[in-house]
Amino acid sequence: MLETAVKAADSKRAVDIVALDVREVSLLADYFMICQANSDRQINAIVEEIVDKEEENGATVKRIEGKDGGKWVLIDLGDLIVHVFSPTEREFYNLEKLWSDAPLVNISNWLD
């Protein structure tokens, strides 16, 4: 599921994709994926691509939050929560720092 989301975001030119293994520090999910886009249109394109690819692979999208606001969209896939930010929102919320106890997942092999 994480690999699918990373590749889908990357295919729509998401910026600074990061994956955190939150299994030991959160009951919410096993992994968080965080990325950003440079426009509201790009945020929506990334979200749509991730949702489409995950559903093609049999994953269930539990909910999508923030799609109307366009600055921070959360996709809840159960074991994986994807955050797609505008640059200013990502800097403001700084989830990487908030979840700094969670180790990074090496996703370099999944990126073009």
PDB file of N, CA and C in Angstrom:
ATOM      1  N   MET A   1       0.823  -1.189   0.000  1.00  0.00           N
ATOM      2  CA  MET A   1       0.000   0.000   0.000  1.00  0.00           C
ATOM      3  C   MET A   1       0.873   1.261   0.000  1.00  0.00           C
ATOM      4  N   LEU A   2       1.912   1.259   0.837  1.00  0.00           N
ATOM      5  CA  LEU A   2       2.809   2.415   0.903  1.00  0.00           C
ATOM      6  C   LEU A   2       3.523   2.610  -0.430  1.00  0.00           C
ATOM      7  N   GLU A   3       4.029   1.538  -1.002  1.00  0.00           N
ATOM      8  CA  GLU A   3       4.722   1.638  -2.287  1.00  0.00           C
ATOM      9  C   GLU A   3       3.798   2.193  -3.364  1.00  0.00           C
ATOM     10  N   THR A   4       2.564   1.733  -3.396  1.00  0.00           N
ATOM     11  CA  THR A   4       1.589   2.222  -4.374  1.00  0.00           C
ATOM     12  C   THR A   4       1.368   3.718  -4.219  1.00  0.00           C
ATOM     13  N   ALA A   5       1.206   4.172  -2.989  1.00  0.00           N
ATOM     14  CA  ALA A   5       0.964   5.596  -2.731  1.00  0.00           C
ATOM     15  C   ALA A   5       2.174   6.444  -3.118  1.00  0.00           C
ATOM     16  N   VAL A   6       3.364   5.986  -2.778  1.00  0.00           N
ATOM     17  CA  VAL A   6       4.587   6.725  -3.107  1.00  0.00           C
ATOM     18  C   VAL A   6       4.726   6.847  -4.615  1.00  0.00           C
ATOM     19  N   LYS A   7       4.555   5.749  -5.331  1.00  0.00           N
ATOM     20  CA  LYS A   7       4.697   5.770  -6.790  1.00  0.00           C
ATOM     21  C   LYS A   7       3.621   6.639  -7.438  1.00  0.00           C
ATOM     22  N   ALA A   8       2.402   6.581  -6.922  1.00  0.00           N
ATOM     23  CA  ALA A   8       1.319   7.406  -7.477  1.00  0.00           C
ATOM     24  C   ALA A   8       1.609   8.886  -7.272  1.00  0.00           C
ATOM     25  N   ALA A   9       2.037   9.257  -6.077  1.00  0.00           N
ATOM     26  CA  ALA A   9       2.369  10.665  -5.802  1.00  0.00           C
ATOM     27  C   ALA A   9       3.534  11.120  -6.669  1.00  0.00           C
ATOM     28  N   ASP A  10       4.537  10.281  -6.777  1.00  0.00           N
ATOM     29  CA  ASP A  10       5.707  10.616  -7.582  1.00  0.00           C
ATOM     30  C   ASP A  10       5.337  10.801  -9.057  1.00  0.00           C
ATOM     31  N   SER A  11       4.395   9.996  -9.538  1.00  0.00           N
ATOM     32  CA  SER A  11       3.990  10.103 -10.946  1.00  0.00           C
ATOM     33  C   SER A  11       3.306  11.436 -11.251  1.00  0.00           C
ATOM     34  N   LYS A  12       2.785  12.090 -10.224  1.00  0.00           N
ATOM     35  CA  LYS A  12       2.152  13.405 -10.385  1.00  0.00           C
ATOM     36  C   LYS A  12       3.055  14.526  -9.879  1.00  0.00           C
ATOM     37  N   ARG A  13       4.337  14.211  -9.771  1.00  0.00           N
ATOM     38  CA  ARG A  13       5.377  15.185  -9.398  1.00  0.00           C
ATOM     39  C   ARG A  13       5.207  15.774  -7.998  1.00  0.00           C
ATOM     40  N   ALA A  14       4.786  14.941  -7.059  1.00  0.00           N
ATOM     41  CA  ALA A  14       4.766  15.385  -5.665  1.00  0.00           C
ATOM     42  C   ALA A  14       6.192  15.718  -5.236  1.00  0.00           C
ATOM     43  N   VAL A  15       6.322  16.668  -4.339  1.00  0.00           N
ATOM     44  CA  VAL A  15       7.623  17.155  -3.897  1.00  0.00           C
ATOM     45  C   VAL A  15       7.922  16.625  -2.500  1.00  0.00           C
ATOM     46  N   ASP A  16       9.186  16.252  -2.282  1.00  0.00           N
ATOM     47  CA  ASP A  16       9.677  15.886  -0.947  1.00  0.00           C
ATOM     48  C   ASP A  16       8.794  14.829  -0.281  1.00  0.00           C
ATOM     49  N   ILE A  17       8.690  13.669  -0.921  1.00  0.00           N
ATOM     50  CA  ILE A  17       7.891  12.566  -0.383  1.00  0.00           C
ATOM     51  C   ILE A  17       8.668  11.907   0.750  1.00  0.00           C
ATOM     52  N   VAL A  18       7.995  11.744   1.886  1.00  0.00           N
ATOM     53  CA  VAL A  18       8.589  11.130   3.070  1.00  0.00           C
ATOM     54  C   VAL A  18       7.616  10.084   3.599  1.00  0.00           C
ATOM     55  N   ALA A  19       8.155   8.958   4.047  1.00  0.00           N
ATOM     56  CA  ALA A  19       7.323   7.933   4.683  1.00  0.00           C
ATOM     57  C   ALA A  19       7.874   7.653   6.077  1.00  0.00           C
ATOM     58  N   LEU A  20       6.977   7.621   7.043  1.00  0.00           N
ATOM     59  CA  LEU A  20       7.340   7.365   8.436  1.00  0.00           C
ATOM     60  C   LEU A  20       6.715   6.056   8.905  1.00  0.00           C
ATOM     61  N   ASP A  21       7.490   5.250   9.596  1.00  0.00           N
ATOM     62  CA  ASP A  21       6.994   4.015  10.203  1.00  0.00           C
ATOM     63  C   ASP A  21       6.521   4.369  11.607  1.00  0.00           C
ATOM     64  N   VAL A  22       5.205   4.508  11.772  1.00  0.00           N
ATOM     65  CA  VAL A  22       4.651   4.969  13.051  1.00  0.00           C
ATOM     66  C   VAL A  22       4.074   3.832  13.897  1.00  0.00           C
ATOM     67  N   ARG A  23       4.394   2.588  13.549  1.00  0.00           N
ATOM     68  CA  ARG A  23       3.826   1.437  14.271  1.00  0.00           C
ATOM     69  C   ARG A  23       4.123   1.470  15.758  1.00  0.00           C
ATOM     70  N   GLU A  24       5.314   1.940  16.139  1.00  0.00           N
ATOM     71  CA  GLU A  24       5.702   1.941  17.545  1.00  0.00           C
ATOM     72  C   GLU A  24       5.265   3.195  18.299  1.00  0.00           C
ATOM     73  N   VAL A  25       4.811   4.228  17.581  1.00  0.00           N
ATOM     74  CA  VAL A  25       4.518   5.504  18.241  1.00  0.00           C
ATOM     75  C   VAL A  25       3.077   5.983  18.057  1.00  0.00           C
ATOM     76  N   SER A  26       2.269   5.241  17.304  1.00  0.00           N
ATOM     77  CA  SER A  26       0.902   5.679  17.053  1.00  0.00           C
ATOM     78  C   SER A  26      -0.035   4.486  16.915  1.00  0.00           C
ATOM     79  N   LEU A  27      -1.236   4.663  17.404  1.00  0.00           N
ATOM     80  CA  LEU A  27      -2.272   3.649  17.219  1.00  0.00           C
ATOM     81  C   LEU A  27      -3.099   3.934  15.967  1.00  0.00           C
ATOM     82  N   LEU A  28      -2.860   5.076  15.326  1.00  0.00           N
ATOM     83  CA  LEU A  28      -3.665   5.503  14.183  1.00  0.00           C
ATOM     84  C   LEU A  28      -3.427   4.671  12.938  1.00  0.00           C
ATOM     85  N   ALA A  29      -2.172   4.333  12.683  1.00  0.00           N
ATOM     86  CA  ALA A  29      -1.825   3.646  11.443  1.00  0.00           C
ATOM     87  C   ALA A  29      -0.448   3.018  11.601  1.00  0.00           C
ATOM     88  N   ASP A  30      -0.021   2.267  10.587  1.00  0.00           N
ATOM     89  CA  ASP A  30       1.328   1.713  10.563  1.00  0.00           C
ATOM     90  C   ASP A  30       2.315   2.683   9.918  1.00  0.00           C
ATOM     91  N   TYR A  31       1.826   3.401   8.894  1.00  0.00           N
ATOM     92  CA  TYR A  31       2.693   4.311   8.159  1.00  0.00           C
ATOM     93  C   TYR A  31       1.988   5.627   7.878  1.00  0.00           C
ATOM     94  N   PHE A  32       2.765   6.706   7.867  1.00  0.00           N
ATOM     95  CA  PHE A  32       2.330   8.007   7.371  1.00  0.00           C
ATOM     96  C   PHE A  32       3.167   8.301   6.134  1.00  0.00           C
ATOM     97  N   MET A  33       2.526   8.782   5.099  1.00  0.00           N
ATOM     98  CA  MET A  33       3.250   9.300   3.951  1.00  0.00           C
ATOM     99  C   MET A  33       2.932  10.777   3.866  1.00  0.00           C
ATOM    100  N   ILE A  34       3.962  11.586   3.694  1.00  0.00           N
ATOM    101  CA  ILE A  34       3.815  13.037   3.645  1.00  0.00           C
ATOM    102  C   ILE A  34       4.454  13.533   2.356  1.00  0.00           C
ATOM    103  N   CYS A  35       3.748  14.406   1.652  1.00  0.00           N
ATOM    104  CA  CYS A  35       4.327  15.023   0.463  1.00  0.00           C
ATOM    105  C   CYS A  35       3.692  16.388   0.269  1.00  0.00           C
ATOM    106  N   GLN A  36       4.185  17.113  -0.702  1.00  0.00           N
ATOM    107  CA  GLN A  36       3.608  18.423  -0.978  1.00  0.00           C
ATOM    108  C   GLN A  36       3.512  18.647  -2.473  1.00  0.00           C
ATOM    109  N   ALA A  37       2.689  19.633  -2.813  1.00  0.00           N
ATOM    110  CA  ALA A  37       2.468  20.028  -4.197  1.00  0.00           C
ATOM    111  C   ALA A  37       2.493  21.544  -4.262  1.00  0.00           C
ATOM    112  N   ASN A  38       2.735  22.061  -5.444  1.00  0.00           N
ATOM    113  CA  ASN A  38       2.912  23.497  -5.589  1.00  0.00           C
ATOM    114  C   ASN A  38       1.646  24.265  -5.922  1.00  0.00           C
ATOM    115  N   SER A  39       0.526  23.571  -6.108  1.00  0.00           N
ATOM    116  CA  SER A  39      -0.736  24.252  -6.398  1.00  0.00           C
ATOM    117  C   SER A  39      -1.903  23.386  -5.934  1.00  0.00           C
ATOM    118  N   ASP A  40      -3.062  24.021  -5.805  1.00  0.00           N
ATOM    119  CA  ASP A  40      -4.263  23.275  -5.431  1.00  0.00           C
ATOM    120  C   ASP A  40      -4.592  22.219  -6.474  1.00  0.00           C
ATOM    121  N   ARG A  41      -4.407  22.544  -7.742  1.00  0.00           N
ATOM    122  CA  ARG A  41      -4.677  21.577  -8.817  1.00  0.00           C
ATOM    123  C   ARG A  41      -3.775  20.365  -8.697  1.00  0.00           C
ATOM    124  N   GLN A  42      -2.508  20.606  -8.389  1.00  0.00           N
ATOM    125  CA  GLN A  42      -1.579  19.497  -8.257  1.00  0.00           C
ATOM    126  C   GLN A  42      -1.914  18.654  -7.028  1.00  0.00           C
ATOM    127  N   ILE A  43      -2.311  19.297  -5.937  1.00  0.00           N
ATOM    128  CA  ILE A  43      -2.738  18.542  -4.751  1.00  0.00           C
ATOM    129  C   ILE A  43      -3.875  17.604  -5.135  1.00  0.00           C
ATOM    130  N   ASN A  44      -4.876  18.137  -5.828  1.00  0.00           N
ATOM    131  CA  ASN A  44      -6.015  17.306  -6.233  1.00  0.00           C
ATOM    132  C   ASN A  44      -5.606  16.184  -7.175  1.00  0.00           C
ATOM    133  N   ALA A  45      -4.689  16.462  -8.096  1.00  0.00           N
ATOM    134  CA  ALA A  45      -4.219  15.433  -9.027  1.00  0.00           C
ATOM    135  C   ALA A  45      -3.495  14.314  -8.285  1.00  0.00           C
ATOM    136  N   ILE A  46      -2.674  14.679  -7.315  1.00  0.00           N
ATOM    137  CA  ILE A  46      -1.957  13.674  -6.513  1.00  0.00           C
ATOM    138  C   ILE A  46      -2.940  12.825  -5.729  1.00  0.00           C
ATOM    139  N   VAL A  47      -3.910  13.476  -5.075  1.00  0.00           N
ATOM    140  CA  VAL A  47      -4.906  12.747  -4.287  1.00  0.00           C
ATOM    141  C   VAL A  47      -5.691  11.787  -5.175  1.00  0.00           C
ATOM    142  N   GLU A  48      -6.150  12.262  -6.310  1.00  0.00           N
ATOM    143  CA  GLU A  48      -6.925  11.407  -7.214  1.00  0.00           C
ATOM    144  C   GLU A  48      -6.107  10.214  -7.702  1.00  0.00           C
ATOM    145  N   GLU A  49      -4.849  10.440  -8.018  1.00  0.00           N
ATOM    146  CA  GLU A  49      -3.982   9.355  -8.498  1.00  0.00           C
ATOM    147  C   GLU A  49      -3.749   8.321  -7.410  1.00  0.00           C
ATOM    148  N   ILE A  50      -3.491   8.766  -6.188  1.00  0.00           N
ATOM    149  CA  ILE A  50      -3.287   7.829  -5.085  1.00  0.00           C
ATOM    150  C   ILE A  50      -4.547   7.012  -4.846  1.00  0.00           C
ATOM    151  N   VAL A  51      -5.694   7.673  -4.793  1.00  0.00           N
ATOM    152  CA  VAL A  51      -6.962   6.969  -4.562  1.00  0.00           C
ATOM    153  C   VAL A  51      -7.210   5.956  -5.679  1.00  0.00           C
ATOM    154  N   ASP A  52      -7.039   6.360  -6.937  1.00  0.00           N
ATOM    155  CA  ASP A  52      -7.262   5.457  -8.065  1.00  0.00           C
ATOM    156  C   ASP A  52      -6.352   4.232  -8.001  1.00  0.00           C
ATOM    157  N   LYS A  53      -5.061   4.452  -7.774  1.00  0.00           N
ATOM    158  CA  LYS A  53      -4.104   3.341  -7.756  1.00  0.00           C
ATOM    159  C   LYS A  53      -4.336   2.413  -6.566  1.00  0.00           C
ATOM    160  N   GLU A  54      -4.658   2.977  -5.410  1.00  0.00           N
ATOM    161  CA  GLU A  54      -4.925   2.138  -4.237  1.00  0.00           C
ATOM    162  C   GLU A  54      -6.175   1.275  -4.465  1.00  0.00           C
ATOM    163  N   GLU A  55      -7.228   1.882  -5.017  1.00  0.00           N
ATOM    164  CA  GLU A  55      -8.448   1.116  -5.284  1.00  0.00           C
ATOM    165  C   GLU A  55      -8.206   0.041  -6.341  1.00  0.00           C
ATOM    166  N   GLU A  56      -7.392   0.326  -7.358  1.00  0.00           N
ATOM    167  CA  GLU A  56      -7.034  -0.676  -8.363  1.00  0.00           C
ATOM    168  C   GLU A  56      -6.340  -1.871  -7.725  1.00  0.00           C
ATOM    169  N   ASN A  57      -5.585  -1.623  -6.661  1.00  0.00           N
ATOM    170  CA  ASN A  57      -4.855  -2.680  -5.970  1.00  0.00           C
ATOM    171  C   ASN A  57      -5.644  -3.294  -4.814  1.00  0.00           C
ATOM    172  N   GLY A  58      -6.928  -2.959  -4.720  1.00  0.00           N
ATOM    173  CA  GLY A  58      -7.794  -3.590  -3.731  1.00  0.00           C
ATOM    174  C   GLY A  58      -7.860  -2.927  -2.377  1.00  0.00           C
ATOM    175  N   ALA A  59      -7.208  -1.798  -2.197  1.00  0.00           N
ATOM    176  CA  ALA A  59      -7.269  -1.092  -0.915  1.00  0.00           C
ATOM    177  C   ALA A  59      -8.594  -0.340  -0.804  1.00  0.00           C
ATOM    178  N   THR A  60      -9.037  -0.161   0.418  1.00  0.00           N
ATOM    179  CA  THR A  60     -10.256   0.584   0.686  1.00  0.00           C
ATOM    180  C   THR A  60      -9.902   1.955   1.237  1.00  0.00           C
ATOM    181  N   VAL A  61     -10.396   2.983   0.580  1.00  0.00           N
ATOM    182  CA  VAL A  61     -10.210   4.336   1.083  1.00  0.00           C
ATOM    183  C   VAL A  61     -11.284   4.569   2.143  1.00  0.00           C
ATOM    184  N   LYS A  62     -10.880   4.692   3.388  1.00  0.00           N
ATOM    185  CA  LYS A  62     -11.840   4.862   4.480  1.00  0.00           C
ATOM    186  C   LYS A  62     -12.453   6.256   4.470  1.00  0.00           C
ATOM    187  N   ARG A  63     -11.606   7.270   4.231  1.00  0.00           N
ATOM    188  CA  ARG A  63     -12.135   8.632   4.104  1.00  0.00           C
ATOM    189  C   ARG A  63     -11.064   9.555   3.553  1.00  0.00           C
ATOM    190  N   ILE A  64     -11.534  10.681   3.032  1.00  0.00           N
ATOM    191  CA  ILE A  64     -10.653  11.738   2.542  1.00  0.00           C
ATOM    192  C   ILE A  64     -11.094  13.018   3.228  1.00  0.00           C
ATOM    193  N   GLU A  65     -10.153  13.685   3.873  1.00  0.00           N
ATOM    194  CA  GLU A  65     -10.441  14.923   4.594  1.00  0.00           C
ATOM    195  C   GLU A  65      -9.724  16.085   3.916  1.00  0.00           C
ATOM    196  N   GLY A  66     -10.376  17.238   3.844  1.00  0.00           N
ATOM    197  CA  GLY A  66      -9.735  18.463   3.392  1.00  0.00           C
ATOM    198  C   GLY A  66      -9.711  18.691   1.905  1.00  0.00           C
ATOM    199  N   LYS A  67     -10.364  17.852   1.143  1.00  0.00           N
ATOM    200  CA  LYS A  67     -10.289  17.982  -0.317  1.00  0.00           C
ATOM    201  C   LYS A  67     -10.866  19.319  -0.794  1.00  0.00           C
ATOM    202  N   ASP A  68     -11.859  19.837  -0.111  1.00  0.00           N
ATOM    203  CA  ASP A  68     -12.452  21.109  -0.509  1.00  0.00           C
ATOM    204  C   ASP A  68     -11.549  22.292  -0.174  1.00  0.00           C
ATOM    205  N   GLY A  69     -10.757  22.172   0.890  1.00  0.00           N
ATOM    206  CA  GLY A  69      -9.883  23.265   1.291  1.00  0.00           C
ATOM    207  C   GLY A  69      -8.668  23.416   0.407  1.00  0.00           C
ATOM    208  N   GLY A  70      -8.148  22.311  -0.085  1.00  0.00           N
ATOM    209  CA  GLY A  70      -7.061  22.348  -1.036  1.00  0.00           C
ATOM    210  C   GLY A  70      -5.679  22.646  -0.499  1.00  0.00           C
ATOM    211  N   LYS A  71      -5.507  22.814   0.804  1.00  0.00           N
ATOM    212  CA  LYS A  71      -4.194  23.131   1.362  1.00  0.00           C
ATOM    213  C   LYS A  71      -3.553  21.941   2.076  1.00  0.00           C
ATOM    214  N   TRP A  72      -4.384  21.054   2.590  1.00  0.00           N
ATOM    215  CA  TRP A  72      -3.904  19.841   3.254  1.00  0.00           C
ATOM    216  C   TRP A  72      -4.991  18.800   3.079  1.00  0.00           C
ATOM    217  N   VAL A  73      -4.673  17.740   2.361  1.00  0.00           N
ATOM    218  CA  VAL A  73      -5.631  16.651   2.156  1.00  0.00           C
ATOM    219  C   VAL A  73      -5.078  15.406   2.833  1.00  0.00           C
ATOM    220  N   LEU A  74      -5.925  14.741   3.598  1.00  0.00           N
ATOM    221  CA  LEU A  74      -5.574  13.511   4.287  1.00  0.00           C
ATOM    222  C   LEU A  74      -6.362  12.374   3.657  1.00  0.00           C
ATOM    223  N   ILE A  75      -5.665  11.314   3.301  1.00  0.00           N
ATOM    224  CA  ILE A  75      -6.297  10.112   2.771  1.00  0.00           C
ATOM    225  C   ILE A  75      -6.089   9.008   3.795  1.00  0.00           C
ATOM    226  N   ASP A  76      -7.188   8.488   4.337  1.00  0.00           N
ATOM    227  CA  ASP A  76      -7.123   7.416   5.332  1.00  0.00           C
ATOM    228  C   ASP A  76      -7.333   6.084   4.625  1.00  0.00           C
ATOM    229  N   LEU A  77      -6.266   5.287   4.591  1.00  0.00           N
ATOM    230  CA  LEU A  77      -6.311   3.958   3.977  1.00  0.00           C
ATOM    231  C   LEU A  77      -6.215   2.861   5.040  1.00  0.00           C
ATOM    232  N   GLY A  78      -6.491   3.208   6.289  1.00  0.00           N
ATOM    233  CA  GLY A  78      -6.400   2.225   7.367  1.00  0.00           C
ATOM    234  C   GLY A  78      -4.992   2.153   7.910  1.00  0.00           C
ATOM    235  N   ASP A  79      -4.197   1.221   7.392  1.00  0.00           N
ATOM    236  CA  ASP A  79      -2.820   1.055   7.858  1.00  0.00           C
ATOM    237  C   ASP A  79      -1.889   2.154   7.364  1.00  0.00           C
ATOM    238  N   LEU A  80      -2.361   2.931   6.401  1.00  0.00           N
ATOM    239  CA  LEU A  80      -1.572   4.019   5.836  1.00  0.00           C
ATOM    240  C   LEU A  80      -2.400   5.291   5.816  1.00  0.00           C
ATOM    241  N   ILE A  81      -1.812   6.371   6.304  1.00  0.00           N
ATOM    242  CA  ILE A  81      -2.443   7.682   6.213  1.00  0.00           C
ATOM    243  C   ILE A  81      -1.531   8.561   5.367  1.00  0.00           C
ATOM    244  N   VAL A  82      -2.098   9.120   4.297  1.00  0.00           N
ATOM    245  CA  VAL A  82      -1.346   9.962   3.372  1.00  0.00           C
ATOM    246  C   VAL A  82      -1.727  11.416   3.616  1.00  0.00           C
ATOM    247  N   HIS A  83      -0.723  12.266   3.723  1.00  0.00           N
ATOM    248  CA  HIS A  83      -0.912  13.707   3.886  1.00  0.00           C
ATOM    249  C   HIS A  83      -0.333  14.396   2.657  1.00  0.00           C
ATOM    250  N   VAL A  84      -1.164  15.169   1.954  1.00  0.00           N
ATOM    251  CA  VAL A  84      -0.700  15.940   0.797  1.00  0.00           C
ATOM    252  C   VAL A  84      -0.889  17.412   1.149  1.00  0.00           C
ATOM    253  N   PHE A  85       0.222  18.131   1.219  1.00  0.00           N
ATOM    254  CA  PHE A  85       0.226  19.509   1.699  1.00  0.00           C
ATOM    255  C   PHE A  85       0.573  20.514   0.614  1.00  0.00           C
ATOM    256  N   SER A  86       0.131  21.754   0.828  1.00  0.00           N
ATOM    257  CA  SER A  86       0.742  22.896   0.153  1.00  0.00           C
ATOM    258  C   SER A  86       2.028  23.181   0.925  1.00  0.00           C
ATOM    259  N   PRO A  87       2.993  23.859   0.318  1.00  0.00           N
ATOM    260  CA  PRO A  87       4.252  24.127   1.030  1.00  0.00           C
ATOM    261  C   PRO A  87       4.071  24.875   2.352  1.00  0.00           C
ATOM    262  N   THR A  88       3.208  25.895   2.378  1.00  0.00           N
ATOM    263  CA  THR A  88       3.043  26.667   3.619  1.00  0.00           C
ATOM    264  C   THR A  88       2.384  25.840   4.721  1.00  0.00           C
ATOM    265  N   GLU A  89       1.417  25.013   4.361  1.00  0.00           N
ATOM    266  CA  GLU A  89       0.765  24.164   5.371  1.00  0.00           C
ATOM    267  C   GLU A  89       1.732  23.118   5.906  1.00  0.00           C
ATOM    268  N   ARG A  90       2.536  22.551   5.019  1.00  0.00           N
ATOM    269  CA  ARG A  90       3.490  21.536   5.472  1.00  0.00           C
ATOM    270  C   ARG A  90       4.481  22.136   6.454  1.00  0.00           C
ATOM    271  N   GLU A  91       4.965  23.315   6.133  1.00  0.00           N
ATOM    272  CA  GLU A  91       5.911  23.978   7.025  1.00  0.00           C
ATOM    273  C   GLU A  91       5.254  24.310   8.367  1.00  0.00           C
ATOM    274  N   PHE A  92       4.011  24.777   8.328  1.00  0.00           N
ATOM    275  CA  PHE A  92       3.307  25.163   9.548  1.00  0.00           C
ATOM    276  C   PHE A  92       3.066  23.965  10.465  1.00  0.00           C
ATOM    277  N   TYR A  93       2.542  22.870   9.923  1.00  0.00           N
ATOM    278  CA  TYR A  93       2.199  21.713  10.752  1.00  0.00           C
ATOM    279  C   TYR A  93       3.402  20.828  11.065  1.00  0.00           C
ATOM    280  N   ASN A  94       4.395  20.804  10.183  1.00  0.00           N
ATOM    281  CA  ASN A  94       5.656  20.106  10.409  1.00  0.00           C
ATOM    282  C   ASN A  94       5.472  18.718  11.034  1.00  0.00           C
ATOM    283  N   LEU A  95       4.728  17.866  10.358  1.00  0.00           N
ATOM    284  CA  LEU A  95       4.442  16.519  10.875  1.00  0.00           C
ATOM    285  C   LEU A  95       5.703  15.688  11.077  1.00  0.00           C
ATOM    286  N   GLU A  96       6.699  15.913  10.248  1.00  0.00           N
ATOM    287  CA  GLU A  96       7.943  15.159  10.417  1.00  0.00           C
ATOM    288  C   GLU A  96       8.548  15.414  11.796  1.00  0.00           C
ATOM    289  N   LYS A  97       8.476  16.656  12.269  1.00  0.00           N
ATOM    290  CA  LYS A  97       8.990  16.973  13.599  1.00  0.00           C
ATOM    291  C   LYS A  97       8.054  16.428  14.678  1.00  0.00           C
ATOM    292  N   LEU A  98       6.755  16.579  14.455  1.00  0.00           N
ATOM    293  CA  LEU A  98       5.774  16.081  15.421  1.00  0.00           C
ATOM    294  C   LEU A  98       5.930  14.573  15.647  1.00  0.00           C
ATOM    295  N   TRP A  99       6.208  13.834  14.580  1.00  0.00           N
ATOM    296  CA  TRP A  99       6.368  12.380  14.652  1.00  0.00           C
ATOM    297  C   TRP A  99       7.845  11.992  14.525  1.00  0.00           C
ATOM    298  N   SER A 100       8.730  12.796  15.088  1.00  0.00           N
ATOM    299  CA  SER A 100      10.165  12.572  14.930  1.00  0.00           C
ATOM    300  C   SER A 100      10.646  11.275  15.583  1.00  0.00           C
ATOM    301  N   ASP A 101       9.845  10.693  16.479  1.00  0.00           N
ATOM    302  CA  ASP A 101      10.208   9.406  17.078  1.00  0.00           C
ATOM    303  C   ASP A 101      10.034   8.248  16.102  1.00  0.00           C
ATOM    304  N   ALA A 102       9.321   8.486  15.023  1.00  0.00           N
ATOM    305  CA  ALA A 102       9.072   7.440  14.026  1.00  0.00           C
ATOM    306  C   ALA A 102      10.217   7.390  13.023  1.00  0.00           C
ATOM    307  N   PRO A 103      10.755   6.199  12.772  1.00  0.00           N
ATOM    308  CA  PRO A 103      11.837   6.106  11.790  1.00  0.00           C
ATOM    309  C   PRO A 103      11.338   6.343  10.366  1.00  0.00           C
ATOM    310  N   LEU A 104      12.230   6.882   9.543  1.00  0.00           N
ATOM    311  CA  LEU A 104      11.925   7.062   8.132  1.00  0.00           C
ATOM    312  C   LEU A 104      11.975   5.717   7.417  1.00  0.00           C
ATOM    313  N   VAL A 105      11.128   5.557   6.421  1.00  0.00           N
ATOM    314  CA  VAL A 105      11.148   4.378   5.564  1.00  0.00           C
ATOM    315  C   VAL A 105      11.947   4.756   4.318  1.00  0.00           C
ATOM    316  N   ASN A 106      12.839   3.895   3.906  1.00  0.00           N
ATOM    317  CA  ASN A 106      13.616   4.149   2.691  1.00  0.00           C
ATOM    318  C   ASN A 106      12.731   3.899   1.473  1.00  0.00           C
ATOM    319  N   ILE A 107      12.338   4.979   0.801  1.00  0.00           N
ATOM    320  CA  ILE A 107      11.471   4.868  -0.371  1.00  0.00           C
ATOM    321  C   ILE A 107      12.205   5.175  -1.663  1.00  0.00           C
ATOM    322  N   SER A 108      13.515   5.332  -1.604  1.00  0.00           N
ATOM    323  CA  SER A 108      14.280   5.781  -2.775  1.00  0.00           C
ATOM    324  C   SER A 108      14.127   4.864  -3.973  1.00  0.00           C
ATOM    325  N   ASN A 109      13.959   3.570  -3.759  1.00  0.00           N
ATOM    326  CA  ASN A 109      13.807   2.630  -4.872  1.00  0.00           C
ATOM    327  C   ASN A 109      12.465   2.775  -5.584  1.00  0.00           C
ATOM    328  N   TRP A 110      11.516   3.453  -4.955  1.00  0.00           N
ATOM    329  CA  TRP A 110      10.181   3.604  -5.557  1.00  0.00           C
ATOM    330  C   TRP A 110      10.024   4.912  -6.325  1.00  0.00           C
ATOM    331  N   LEU A 111      11.029   5.768  -6.261  1.00  0.00           N
ATOM    332  CA  LEU A 111      10.951   7.082  -6.896  1.00  0.00           C
ATOM    333  C   LEU A 111      11.677   7.073  -8.228  1.00  0.00           C
ATOM    334  N   ASP A 112      11.108   7.811  -9.192  1.00  0.00           N
ATOM    335  CA  ASP A 112      11.775   7.933 -10.503  1.00  0.00           C
ATOM    336  C   ASP A 112      12.860   8.963 -10.450  1.00  0.00           C
TER     337      ASP A 112
END
